[in-house]
PDB file of N, CA and C in Angstrom:
ATOM      1  N   UNK A   1     123.980  -6.928 -33.019  1.00  0.00           N
ATOM      2  CA  UNK A   1     123.953  -6.385 -34.354  1.00  0.00           C
ATOM      3  C   UNK A   1     123.908  -4.863 -34.271  1.00  0.00           C
ATOM      4  N   UNK A   2     124.639  -4.262 -35.160  1.00  0.00           N
ATOM      5  CA  UNK A   2     124.681  -2.812 -35.172  1.00  0.00           C
ATOM      6  C   UNK A   2     124.600  -2.304 -36.602  1.00  0.00           C
ATOM      7  N   UNK A   3     124.193  -1.051 -36.725  1.00  0.00           N
ATOM      8  CA  UNK A   3     124.254  -0.341 -37.994  1.00  0.00           C
ATOM      9  C   UNK A   3     123.436  -0.973 -39.104  1.00  0.00           C
ATOM     10  N   UNK A   4     124.140  -1.247 -40.201  1.00  0.00           N
ATOM     11  CA  UNK A   4     123.499  -1.728 -41.417  1.00  0.00           C
ATOM     12  C   UNK A   4     122.750  -3.039 -41.200  1.00  0.00           C
ATOM     13  N   UNK A   5     123.318  -3.979 -40.486  1.00  0.00           N
ATOM     14  CA  UNK A   5     122.678  -5.278 -40.253  1.00  0.00           C
ATOM     15  C   UNK A   5     121.356  -5.113 -39.508  1.00  0.00           C
ATOM     16  N   UNK A   6     121.303  -4.242 -38.526  1.00  0.00           N
ATOM     17  CA  UNK A   6     120.069  -3.999 -37.777  1.00  0.00           C
ATOM     18  C   UNK A   6     119.019  -3.356 -38.671  1.00  0.00           C
ATOM     19  N   UNK A   7     119.424  -2.370 -39.462  1.00  0.00           N
ATOM     20  CA  UNK A   7     118.508  -1.699 -40.386  1.00  0.00           C
ATOM     21  C   UNK A   7     117.956  -2.692 -41.400  1.00  0.00           C
ATOM     22  N   UNK A   8     118.817  -3.544 -41.948  1.00  0.00           N
ATOM     23  CA  UNK A   8     118.401  -4.540 -42.923  1.00  0.00           C
ATOM     24  C   UNK A   8     117.406  -5.514 -42.306  1.00  0.00           C
ATOM     25  N   UNK A   9     117.664  -5.965 -41.108  1.00  0.00           N
ATOM     26  CA  UNK A   9     116.772  -6.894 -40.430  1.00  0.00           C
ATOM     27  C   UNK A   9     115.404  -6.249 -40.192  1.00  0.00           C
ATOM     28  N   UNK A  10     115.373  -4.991 -39.754  1.00  0.00           N
ATOM     29  CA  UNK A  10     114.102  -4.279 -39.549  1.00  0.00           C
ATOM     30  C   UNK A  10     113.349  -4.145 -40.859  1.00  0.00           C
ATOM     31  N   UNK A  11     114.052  -3.820 -41.949  1.00  0.00           N
ATOM     32  CA  UNK A  11     113.434  -3.666 -43.263  1.00  0.00           C
ATOM     33  C   UNK A  11     112.832  -4.988 -43.721  1.00  0.00           C
ATOM     34  N   UNK A  12     113.565  -6.091 -43.562  1.00  0.00           N
ATOM     35  CA  UNK A  12     113.062  -7.398 -43.954  1.00  0.00           C
ATOM     36  C   UNK A  12     111.806  -7.761 -43.171  1.00  0.00           C
ATOM     37  N   UNK A  13     111.780  -7.469 -41.865  1.00  0.00           N
ATOM     38  CA  UNK A  13     110.597  -7.758 -41.064  1.00  0.00           C
ATOM     39  C   UNK A  13     109.417  -6.910 -41.518  1.00  0.00           C
ATOM     40  N   UNK A  14     109.656  -5.647 -41.868  1.00  0.00           N
ATOM     41  CA  UNK A  14     108.593  -4.763 -42.335  1.00  0.00           C
ATOM     42  C   UNK A  14     108.018  -5.262 -43.647  1.00  0.00           C
ATOM     43  N   UNK A  15     108.890  -5.626 -44.588  1.00  0.00           N
ATOM     44  CA  UNK A  15     108.440  -6.132 -45.880  1.00  0.00           C
ATOM     45  C   UNK A  15     107.655  -7.420 -45.692  1.00  0.00           C
ATOM     46  N   UNK A  16     108.178  -8.340 -44.906  1.00  0.00           N
ATOM     47  CA  UNK A  16     107.493  -9.606 -44.667  1.00  0.00           C
ATOM     48  C   UNK A  16     106.142  -9.362 -44.034  1.00  0.00           C
ATOM     49  N   UNK A  17     106.066  -8.472 -43.062  1.00  0.00           N
ATOM     50  CA  UNK A  17     104.802  -8.171 -42.392  1.00  0.00           C
ATOM     51  C   UNK A  17     103.812  -7.532 -43.361  1.00  0.00           C
ATOM     52  N   UNK A  18     104.266  -6.570 -44.170  1.00  0.00           N
ATOM     53  CA  UNK A  18     103.338  -5.891 -45.075  1.00  0.00           C
ATOM     54  C   UNK A  18     102.835  -6.846 -46.148  1.00  0.00           C
ATOM     55  N   UNK A  19     103.689  -7.751 -46.632  1.00  0.00           N
ATOM     56  CA  UNK A  19     103.229  -8.720 -47.626  1.00  0.00           C
ATOM     57  C   UNK A  19     102.241  -9.693 -47.012  1.00  0.00           C
ATOM     58  N   UNK A  20     102.443 -10.078 -45.754  1.00  0.00           N
ATOM     59  CA  UNK A  20     101.502 -11.007 -45.137  1.00  0.00           C
ATOM     60  C   UNK A  20     100.153 -10.336 -44.921  1.00  0.00           C
ATOM     61  N   UNK A  21     100.123  -9.035 -44.697  1.00  0.00           N
ATOM     62  CA  UNK A  21      98.868  -8.308 -44.547  1.00  0.00           C
ATOM     63  C   UNK A  21      98.125  -8.277 -45.877  1.00  0.00           C
ATOM     64  N   UNK A  22      98.871  -8.141 -46.983  1.00  0.00           N
ATOM     65  CA  UNK A  22      98.253  -8.045 -48.295  1.00  0.00           C
ATOM     66  C   UNK A  22      97.753  -9.391 -48.807  1.00  0.00           C
ATOM     67  N   UNK A  23      98.127 -10.489 -48.178  1.00  0.00           N
ATOM     68  CA  UNK A  23      97.720 -11.798 -48.655  1.00  0.00           C
ATOM     69  C   UNK A  23      96.246 -12.043 -48.374  1.00  0.00           C
ATOM     70  N   UNK A  24      95.607 -12.650 -49.339  1.00  0.00           N
ATOM     71  CA  UNK A  24      94.218 -13.077 -49.193  1.00  0.00           C
ATOM     72  C   UNK A  24      94.187 -14.569 -49.421  1.00  0.00           C
ATOM     73  N   UNK A  25      93.327 -15.252 -48.719  1.00  0.00           N
ATOM     74  CA  UNK A  25      93.174 -16.673 -48.966  1.00  0.00           C
ATOM     75  C   UNK A  25      91.794 -16.890 -49.548  1.00  0.00           C
ATOM     76  N   UNK A  26      91.732 -17.607 -50.653  1.00  0.00           N
ATOM     77  CA  UNK A  26      90.453 -17.956 -51.235  1.00  0.00           C
ATOM     78  C   UNK A  26      90.463 -19.434 -51.568  1.00  0.00           C
ATOM     79  N   UNK A  27      89.445 -19.916 -52.248  1.00  0.00           N
ATOM     80  CA  UNK A  27      89.324 -21.343 -52.498  1.00  0.00           C
ATOM     81  C   UNK A  27      90.431 -21.895 -53.392  1.00  0.00           C
ATOM     82  N   UNK A  28      91.137 -21.031 -54.130  1.00  0.00           N
ATOM     83  CA  UNK A  28      92.216 -21.493 -55.003  1.00  0.00           C
ATOM     84  C   UNK A  28      93.559 -21.507 -54.293  1.00  0.00           C
ATOM     85  N   UNK A  29      93.667 -20.866 -53.154  1.00  0.00           N
ATOM     86  CA  UNK A  29      94.941 -20.806 -52.450  1.00  0.00           C
ATOM     87  C   UNK A  29      95.243 -19.390 -52.030  1.00  0.00           C
ATOM     88  N   UNK A  30      96.504 -19.114 -51.796  1.00  0.00           N
ATOM     89  CA  UNK A  30      96.914 -17.805 -51.309  1.00  0.00           C
ATOM     90  C   UNK A  30      97.488 -16.995 -52.463  1.00  0.00           C
ATOM     91  N   UNK A  31      97.111 -15.735 -52.538  1.00  0.00           N
ATOM     92  CA  UNK A  31      97.704 -14.810 -53.495  1.00  0.00           C
ATOM     93  C   UNK A  31      97.783 -13.434 -52.830  1.00  0.00           C
ATOM     94  N   UNK A  32      98.601 -12.586 -53.384  1.00  0.00           N
ATOM     95  CA  UNK A  32      98.742 -11.243 -52.834  1.00  0.00           C
ATOM     96  C   UNK A  32      98.031 -10.248 -53.737  1.00  0.00           C
ATOM     97  N   UNK A  33      97.483  -9.207 -53.140  1.00  0.00           N
ATOM     98  CA  UNK A  33      96.940  -8.126 -53.936  1.00  0.00           C
ATOM     99  C   UNK A  33      98.092  -7.424 -54.626  1.00  0.00           C
ATOM    100  N   UNK A  34      97.850  -6.993 -55.840  1.00  0.00           N
ATOM    101  CA  UNK A  34      98.898  -6.336 -56.627  1.00  0.00           C
ATOM    102  C   UNK A  34      98.823  -4.837 -56.394  1.00  0.00           C
ATOM    103  N   UNK A  35      99.873  -4.244 -55.843  1.00  0.00           N
ATOM    104  CA  UNK A  35      99.879  -2.790 -55.658  1.00  0.00           C
ATOM    105  C   UNK A  35      99.955  -2.062 -57.003  1.00  0.00           C
ATOM    106  N   UNK A  36      99.239  -0.984 -57.132  1.00  0.00           N
ATOM    107  CA  UNK A  36      99.268  -0.172 -58.341  1.00  0.00           C
ATOM    108  C   UNK A  36     100.451   0.782 -58.238  1.00  0.00           C
ATOM    109  N   UNK A  37     101.620   0.275 -58.614  1.00  0.00           N
ATOM    110  CA  UNK A  37     102.842   1.073 -58.545  1.00  0.00           C
ATOM    111  C   UNK A  37     103.426   1.258 -59.939  1.00  0.00           C
ATOM    112  N   UNK A  38     104.267   2.246 -60.075  1.00  0.00           N
ATOM    113  CA  UNK A  38     104.929   2.503 -61.356  1.00  0.00           C
ATOM    114  C   UNK A  38     105.788   1.303 -61.761  1.00  0.00           C
ATOM    115  N   UNK A  39     106.470   0.700 -60.801  1.00  0.00           N
ATOM    116  CA  UNK A  39     107.317  -0.453 -61.089  1.00  0.00           C
ATOM    117  C   UNK A  39     106.483  -1.627 -61.623  1.00  0.00           C
ATOM    118  N   UNK A  40     105.335  -1.898 -61.005  1.00  0.00           N
ATOM    119  CA  UNK A  40     104.470  -2.974 -61.485  1.00  0.00           C
ATOM    120  C   UNK A  40     103.900  -2.648 -62.858  1.00  0.00           C
ATOM    121  N   UNK A  41     103.532  -1.389 -63.084  1.00  0.00           N
ATOM    122  CA  UNK A  41     102.997  -0.984 -64.390  1.00  0.00           C
ATOM    123  C   UNK A  41     104.044  -1.177 -65.484  1.00  0.00           C
ATOM    124  N   UNK A  42     105.293  -0.880 -65.172  1.00  0.00           N
ATOM    125  CA  UNK A  42     106.360  -1.062 -66.152  1.00  0.00           C
ATOM    126  C   UNK A  42     106.591  -2.534 -66.462  1.00  0.00           C
ATOM    127  N   UNK A  43     106.415  -3.408 -65.484  1.00  0.00           N
ATOM    128  CA  UNK A  43     106.620  -4.842 -65.692  1.00  0.00           C
ATOM    129  C   UNK A  43     105.436  -5.543 -66.322  1.00  0.00           C
ATOM    130  N   UNK A  44     104.273  -4.926 -66.261  1.00  0.00           N
ATOM    131  CA  UNK A  44     103.033  -5.520 -66.759  1.00  0.00           C
ATOM    132  C   UNK A  44     103.085  -5.687 -68.280  1.00  0.00           C
ATOM    133  N   UNK A  45     102.585  -6.828 -68.767  1.00  0.00           N
ATOM    134  CA  UNK A  45     102.591  -7.104 -70.201  1.00  0.00           C
ATOM    135  C   UNK A  45     101.349  -6.615 -70.939  1.00  0.00           C
ATOM    136  N   UNK A  46     100.315  -6.209 -70.217  1.00  0.00           N
ATOM    137  CA  UNK A  46      99.038  -5.849 -70.855  1.00  0.00           C
ATOM    138  C   UNK A  46      99.215  -4.932 -72.061  1.00  0.00           C
ATOM    139  N   UNK A  47      99.906  -3.841 -71.877  1.00  0.00           N
ATOM    140  CA  UNK A  47      99.996  -2.806 -72.915  1.00  0.00           C
ATOM    141  C   UNK A  47     101.300  -2.846 -73.709  1.00  0.00           C
ATOM    142  N   UNK A  48     101.992  -3.965 -73.672  1.00  0.00           N
ATOM    143  CA  UNK A  48     103.293  -4.040 -74.357  1.00  0.00           C
ATOM    144  C   UNK A  48     103.209  -4.641 -75.756  1.00  0.00           C
ATOM    145  N   UNK A  49     101.985  -4.934 -76.231  1.00  0.00           N
ATOM    146  CA  UNK A  49     101.817  -5.422 -77.596  1.00  0.00           C
ATOM    147  C   UNK A  49     101.707  -6.926 -77.733  1.00  0.00           C
ATOM    148  N   UNK A  50     101.837  -7.676 -76.647  1.00  0.00           N
ATOM    149  CA  UNK A  50     101.825  -9.132 -76.736  1.00  0.00           C
ATOM    150  C   UNK A  50     100.528  -9.773 -76.265  1.00  0.00           C
ATOM    151  N   UNK A  51      99.519  -8.982 -75.954  1.00  0.00           N
ATOM    152  CA  UNK A  51      98.250  -9.534 -75.471  1.00  0.00           C
ATOM    153  C   UNK A  51      97.192  -9.404 -76.563  1.00  0.00           C
ATOM    154  N   UNK A  52      96.794 -10.532 -77.178  1.00  0.00           N
ATOM    155  CA  UNK A  52      95.782 -10.475 -78.237  1.00  0.00           C
ATOM    156  C   UNK A  52      94.443  -9.904 -77.767  1.00  0.00           C
ATOM    157  N   UNK A  53      94.038 -10.187 -76.539  1.00  0.00           N
ATOM    158  CA  UNK A  53      92.772  -9.656 -76.034  1.00  0.00           C
ATOM    159  C   UNK A  53      92.857  -8.138 -75.911  1.00  0.00           C
ATOM    160  N   UNK A  54      93.960  -7.645 -75.393  1.00  0.00           N
ATOM    161  CA  UNK A  54      94.181  -6.203 -75.246  1.00  0.00           C
ATOM    162  C   UNK A  54      94.184  -5.531 -76.617  1.00  0.00           C
ATOM    163  N   UNK A  55      94.932  -6.116 -77.559  1.00  0.00           N
ATOM    164  CA  UNK A  55      95.059  -5.532 -78.895  1.00  0.00           C
ATOM    165  C   UNK A  55      93.729  -5.559 -79.648  1.00  0.00           C
ATOM    166  N   UNK A  56      93.029  -6.687 -79.631  1.00  0.00           N
ATOM    167  CA  UNK A  56      91.778  -6.838 -80.356  1.00  0.00           C
ATOM    168  C   UNK A  56      90.714  -5.906 -79.793  1.00  0.00           C
ATOM    169  N   UNK A  57      90.720  -5.709 -78.486  1.00  0.00           N
ATOM    170  CA  UNK A  57      89.711  -4.872 -77.846  1.00  0.00           C
ATOM    171  C   UNK A  57      90.033  -3.398 -77.850  1.00  0.00           C
ATOM    172  N   UNK A  58      91.183  -3.035 -78.451  1.00  0.00           N
ATOM    173  CA  UNK A  58      91.627  -1.636 -78.446  1.00  0.00           C
ATOM    174  C   UNK A  58      91.565  -1.041 -77.044  1.00  0.00           C
ATOM    175  N   UNK A  59      92.085  -1.786 -76.089  1.00  0.00           N
ATOM    176  CA  UNK A  59      92.059  -1.349 -74.703  1.00  0.00           C
ATOM    177  C   UNK A  59      93.114  -0.287 -74.444  1.00  0.00           C
ATOM    178  N   UNK A  60      92.944   0.430 -73.369  1.00  0.00           N
ATOM    179  CA  UNK A  60      93.969   1.366 -72.913  1.00  0.00           C
ATOM    180  C   UNK A  60      94.177   1.104 -71.437  1.00  0.00           C
ATOM    181  N   UNK A  61      95.270   1.573 -70.927  1.00  0.00           N
ATOM    182  CA  UNK A  61      95.594   1.318 -69.530  1.00  0.00           C
ATOM    183  C   UNK A  61      96.431   0.058 -69.391  1.00  0.00           C
ATOM    184  N   UNK A  62      96.720  -0.272 -68.176  1.00  0.00           N
ATOM    185  CA  UNK A  62      97.557  -1.436 -67.897  1.00  0.00           C
ATOM    186  C   UNK A  62      97.324  -1.871 -66.453  1.00  0.00           C
ATOM    187  N   UNK A  63      97.891  -2.971 -66.075  1.00  0.00           N
ATOM    188  CA  UNK A  63      97.877  -3.495 -64.705  1.00  0.00           C
ATOM    189  C   UNK A  63      96.451  -3.765 -64.205  1.00  0.00           C
ATOM    190  N   UNK A  64      95.673  -4.429 -65.048  1.00  0.00           N
ATOM    191  CA  UNK A  64      94.289  -4.739 -64.699  1.00  0.00           C
ATOM    192  C   UNK A  64      94.205  -5.642 -63.475  1.00  0.00           C
ATOM    193  N   UNK A  65      95.250  -6.414 -63.205  1.00  0.00           N
ATOM    194  CA  UNK A  65      95.259  -7.271 -62.016  1.00  0.00           C
ATOM    195  C   UNK A  65      95.325  -6.439 -60.738  1.00  0.00           C
ATOM    196  N   UNK A  66      95.606  -5.154 -60.869  1.00  0.00           N
ATOM    197  CA  UNK A  66      95.623  -4.250 -59.731  1.00  0.00           C
ATOM    198  C   UNK A  66      94.432  -3.284 -59.756  1.00  0.00           C
ATOM    199  N   UNK A  67      94.225  -2.644 -60.902  1.00  0.00           N
ATOM    200  CA  UNK A  67      93.234  -1.567 -60.976  1.00  0.00           C
ATOM    201  C   UNK A  67      91.829  -2.043 -61.317  1.00  0.00           C
ATOM    202  N   UNK A  68      91.695  -3.271 -61.765  1.00  0.00           N
ATOM    203  CA  UNK A  68      90.371  -3.797 -62.110  1.00  0.00           C
ATOM    204  C   UNK A  68      90.136  -3.831 -63.605  1.00  0.00           C
ATOM    205  N   UNK A  69      88.940  -4.262 -63.977  1.00  0.00           N
ATOM    206  CA  UNK A  69      88.640  -4.499 -65.383  1.00  0.00           C
ATOM    207  C   UNK A  69      88.584  -3.214 -66.193  1.00  0.00           C
ATOM    208  N   UNK A  70      88.717  -3.398 -67.495  1.00  0.00           N
ATOM    209  CA  UNK A  70      88.685  -2.294 -68.443  1.00  0.00           C
ATOM    210  C   UNK A  70      87.270  -1.739 -68.554  1.00  0.00           C
ATOM    211  N   UNK A  71      87.178  -0.466 -68.911  1.00  0.00           N
ATOM    212  CA  UNK A  71      85.872   0.130 -69.162  1.00  0.00           C
ATOM    213  C   UNK A  71      85.248  -0.474 -70.419  1.00  0.00           C
ATOM    214  N   UNK A  72      86.091  -0.848 -71.381  1.00  0.00           N
ATOM    215  CA  UNK A  72      85.622  -1.543 -72.580  1.00  0.00           C
ATOM    216  C   UNK A  72      85.517  -3.026 -72.248  1.00  0.00           C
ATOM    217  N   UNK A  73      84.661  -3.730 -72.938  1.00  0.00           N
ATOM    218  CA  UNK A  73      84.512  -5.158 -72.706  1.00  0.00           C
ATOM    219  C   UNK A  73      85.037  -5.920 -73.923  1.00  0.00           C
ATOM    220  N   UNK A  74      86.312  -6.315 -73.876  1.00  0.00           N
ATOM    221  CA  UNK A  74      86.877  -7.017 -75.027  1.00  0.00           C
ATOM    222  C   UNK A  74      86.392  -8.464 -75.102  1.00  0.00           C
ATOM    223  N   UNK A  75      86.557  -9.040 -76.272  1.00  0.00           N
ATOM    224  CA  UNK A  75      86.275 -10.455 -76.466  1.00  0.00           C
ATOM    225  C   UNK A  75      87.491 -11.248 -75.981  1.00  0.00           C
ATOM    226  N   UNK A  76      87.271 -12.397 -75.386  1.00  0.00           N
ATOM    227  CA  UNK A  76      88.378 -13.252 -74.953  1.00  0.00           C
ATOM    228  C   UNK A  76      89.048 -13.855 -76.181  1.00  0.00           C
ATOM    229  N   UNK A  77      90.311 -13.525 -76.370  1.00  0.00           N
ATOM    230  CA  UNK A  77      91.066 -14.066 -77.504  1.00  0.00           C
ATOM    231  C   UNK A  77      92.131 -15.012 -76.966  1.00  0.00           C
ATOM    232  N   UNK A  78      93.063 -14.469 -76.246  1.00  0.00           N
ATOM    233  CA  UNK A  78      94.125 -15.237 -75.591  1.00  0.00           C
ATOM    234  C   UNK A  78      94.685 -14.359 -74.480  1.00  0.00           C
ATOM    235  N   UNK A  79      95.031 -14.965 -73.365  1.00  0.00           N
ATOM    236  CA  UNK A  79      95.531 -14.208 -72.222  1.00  0.00           C
ATOM    237  C   UNK A  79      96.932 -14.696 -71.854  1.00  0.00           C
ATOM    238  N   UNK A  80      97.943 -13.846 -72.026  1.00  0.00           N
ATOM    239  CA  UNK A  80      99.312 -14.227 -71.684  1.00  0.00           C
ATOM    240  C   UNK A  80      99.715 -13.879 -70.247  1.00  0.00           C
ATOM    241  N   UNK A  81      98.734 -13.681 -69.365  1.00  0.00           N
ATOM    242  CA  UNK A  81      99.054 -13.287 -67.992  1.00  0.00           C
ATOM    243  C   UNK A  81     100.069 -14.214 -67.328  1.00  0.00           C
ATOM    244  N   UNK A  82     100.006 -15.501 -67.616  1.00  0.00           N
ATOM    245  CA  UNK A  82     100.875 -16.446 -66.911  1.00  0.00           C
ATOM    246  C   UNK A  82     102.360 -16.293 -67.233  1.00  0.00           C
ATOM    247  N   UNK A  83     102.703 -15.479 -68.204  1.00  0.00           N
ATOM    248  CA  UNK A  83     104.116 -15.196 -68.475  1.00  0.00           C
ATOM    249  C   UNK A  83     104.491 -13.778 -68.060  1.00  0.00           C
ATOM    250  N   UNK A  84     103.558 -13.059 -67.466  1.00  0.00           N
ATOM    251  CA  UNK A  84     103.798 -11.694 -67.015  1.00  0.00           C
ATOM    252  C   UNK A  84     104.582 -11.715 -65.702  1.00  0.00           C
ATOM    253  N   UNK A  85     105.637 -10.911 -65.589  1.00  0.00           N
ATOM    254  CA  UNK A  85     106.413 -10.874 -64.347  1.00  0.00           C
ATOM    255  C   UNK A  85     105.579 -10.479 -63.122  1.00  0.00           C
ATOM    256  N   UNK A  86     104.583  -9.622 -63.311  1.00  0.00           N
ATOM    257  CA  UNK A  86     103.731  -9.209 -62.190  1.00  0.00           C
ATOM    258  C   UNK A  86     102.875 -10.388 -61.729  1.00  0.00           C
ATOM    259  N   UNK A  87     102.306 -11.130 -62.664  1.00  0.00           N
ATOM    260  CA  UNK A  87     101.479 -12.307 -62.368  1.00  0.00           C
ATOM    261  C   UNK A  87     102.280 -13.319 -61.553  1.00  0.00           C
ATOM    262  N   UNK A  88     103.522 -13.538 -61.985  1.00  0.00           N
ATOM    263  CA  UNK A  88     104.399 -14.503 -61.311  1.00  0.00           C
ATOM    264  C   UNK A  88     104.779 -13.994 -59.924  1.00  0.00           C
ATOM    265  N   UNK A  89     105.204 -12.744 -59.824  1.00  0.00           N
ATOM    266  CA  UNK A  89     105.669 -12.205 -58.547  1.00  0.00           C
ATOM    267  C   UNK A  89     104.591 -12.232 -57.465  1.00  0.00           C
ATOM    268  N   UNK A  90     103.353 -11.958 -57.853  1.00  0.00           N
ATOM    269  CA  UNK A  90     102.280 -11.902 -56.866  1.00  0.00           C
ATOM    270  C   UNK A  90     101.474 -13.198 -56.789  1.00  0.00           C
ATOM    271  N   UNK A  91     102.000 -14.249 -57.409  1.00  0.00           N
ATOM    272  CA  UNK A  91     101.414 -15.591 -57.315  1.00  0.00           C
ATOM    273  C   UNK A  91      99.926 -15.579 -57.659  1.00  0.00           C
ATOM    274  N   UNK A  92      99.604 -14.905 -58.771  1.00  0.00           N
ATOM    275  CA  UNK A  92      98.214 -14.836 -59.201  1.00  0.00           C
ATOM    276  C   UNK A  92      97.811 -16.159 -59.847  1.00  0.00           C
ATOM    277  N   UNK A  93      96.535 -16.416 -59.901  1.00  0.00           N
ATOM    278  CA  UNK A  93      96.054 -17.698 -60.410  1.00  0.00           C
ATOM    279  C   UNK A  93      95.103 -17.562 -61.587  1.00  0.00           C
ATOM    280  N   UNK A  94      94.469 -16.396 -61.721  1.00  0.00           N
ATOM    281  CA  UNK A  94      93.440 -16.222 -62.736  1.00  0.00           C
ATOM    282  C   UNK A  94      93.993 -15.566 -63.994  1.00  0.00           C
ATOM    283  N   UNK A  95      93.104 -15.375 -64.949  1.00  0.00           N
ATOM    284  CA  UNK A  95      93.423 -14.755 -66.226  1.00  0.00           C
ATOM    285  C   UNK A  95      92.332 -13.733 -66.549  1.00  0.00           C
ATOM    286  N   UNK A  96      92.542 -12.984 -67.613  1.00  0.00           N
ATOM    287  CA  UNK A  96      91.553 -12.036 -68.122  1.00  0.00           C
ATOM    288  C   UNK A  96      91.121 -11.014 -67.068  1.00  0.00           C
ATOM    289  N   UNK A  97      92.090 -10.434 -66.392  1.00  0.00           N
ATOM    290  CA  UNK A  97      91.781  -9.394 -65.408  1.00  0.00           C
ATOM    291  C   UNK A  97      91.158  -8.173 -66.077  1.00  0.00           C
ATOM    292  N   UNK A  98      91.454  -7.966 -67.361  1.00  0.00           N
ATOM    293  CA  UNK A  98      90.861  -6.837 -68.092  1.00  0.00           C
ATOM    294  C   UNK A  98      89.350  -7.021 -68.250  1.00  0.00           C
ATOM    295  N   UNK A  99      88.867  -8.253 -68.149  1.00  0.00           N
ATOM    296  CA  UNK A  99      87.446  -8.557 -68.266  1.00  0.00           C
ATOM    297  C   UNK A  99      86.835  -8.841 -66.906  1.00  0.00           C
ATOM    298  N   UNK A 100      87.520  -9.640 -66.108  1.00  0.00           N
ATOM    299  CA  UNK A 100      86.992 -10.111 -64.822  1.00  0.00           C
ATOM    300  C   UNK A 100      87.258  -9.156 -63.653  1.00  0.00           C
ATOM    301  N   UNK A 101      88.287  -8.327 -63.780  1.00  0.00           N
ATOM    302  CA  UNK A 101      88.655  -7.428 -62.691  1.00  0.00           C
ATOM    303  C   UNK A 101      89.775  -7.997 -61.832  1.00  0.00           C
ATOM    304  N   UNK A 102      90.255  -7.195 -60.932  1.00  0.00           N
ATOM    305  CA  UNK A 102      91.372  -7.569 -60.050  1.00  0.00           C
ATOM    306  C   UNK A 102      90.897  -8.599 -59.024  1.00  0.00           C
ATOM    307  N   UNK A 103      91.825  -9.435 -58.547  1.00  0.00           N
ATOM    308  CA  UNK A 103      91.443 -10.382 -57.497  1.00  0.00           C
ATOM    309  C   UNK A 103      91.044  -9.638 -56.219  1.00  0.00           C
ATOM    310  N   UNK A 104      90.113 -10.186 -55.501  1.00  0.00           N
ATOM    311  CA  UNK A 104      89.643  -9.565 -54.257  1.00  0.00           C
ATOM    312  C   UNK A 104      90.611  -9.799 -53.131  1.00  0.00           C
TER     313      UNK A 104
END
């Protein structure tokens, strides 16, 4: 293999290795820690107007599954995390990260 194919193979191994390092195993199964990146923040549904808990609690910020719980303590209304692209991509299992904090 030469050139582009070799570079692509190295990149795939690096990505696979870095994702395996980020994986944590707990009693519910395997999930990955969510990196606090601009791309993940843009995909996050928290601050997009569709989260009743976020709206009712007048929360600010986003990507609670990465950065941890909100400084405000909202009431649990409804959590749409399971339809969030970030939740799906990182195989998260819990809800209400704005209250409970990011997965360990």
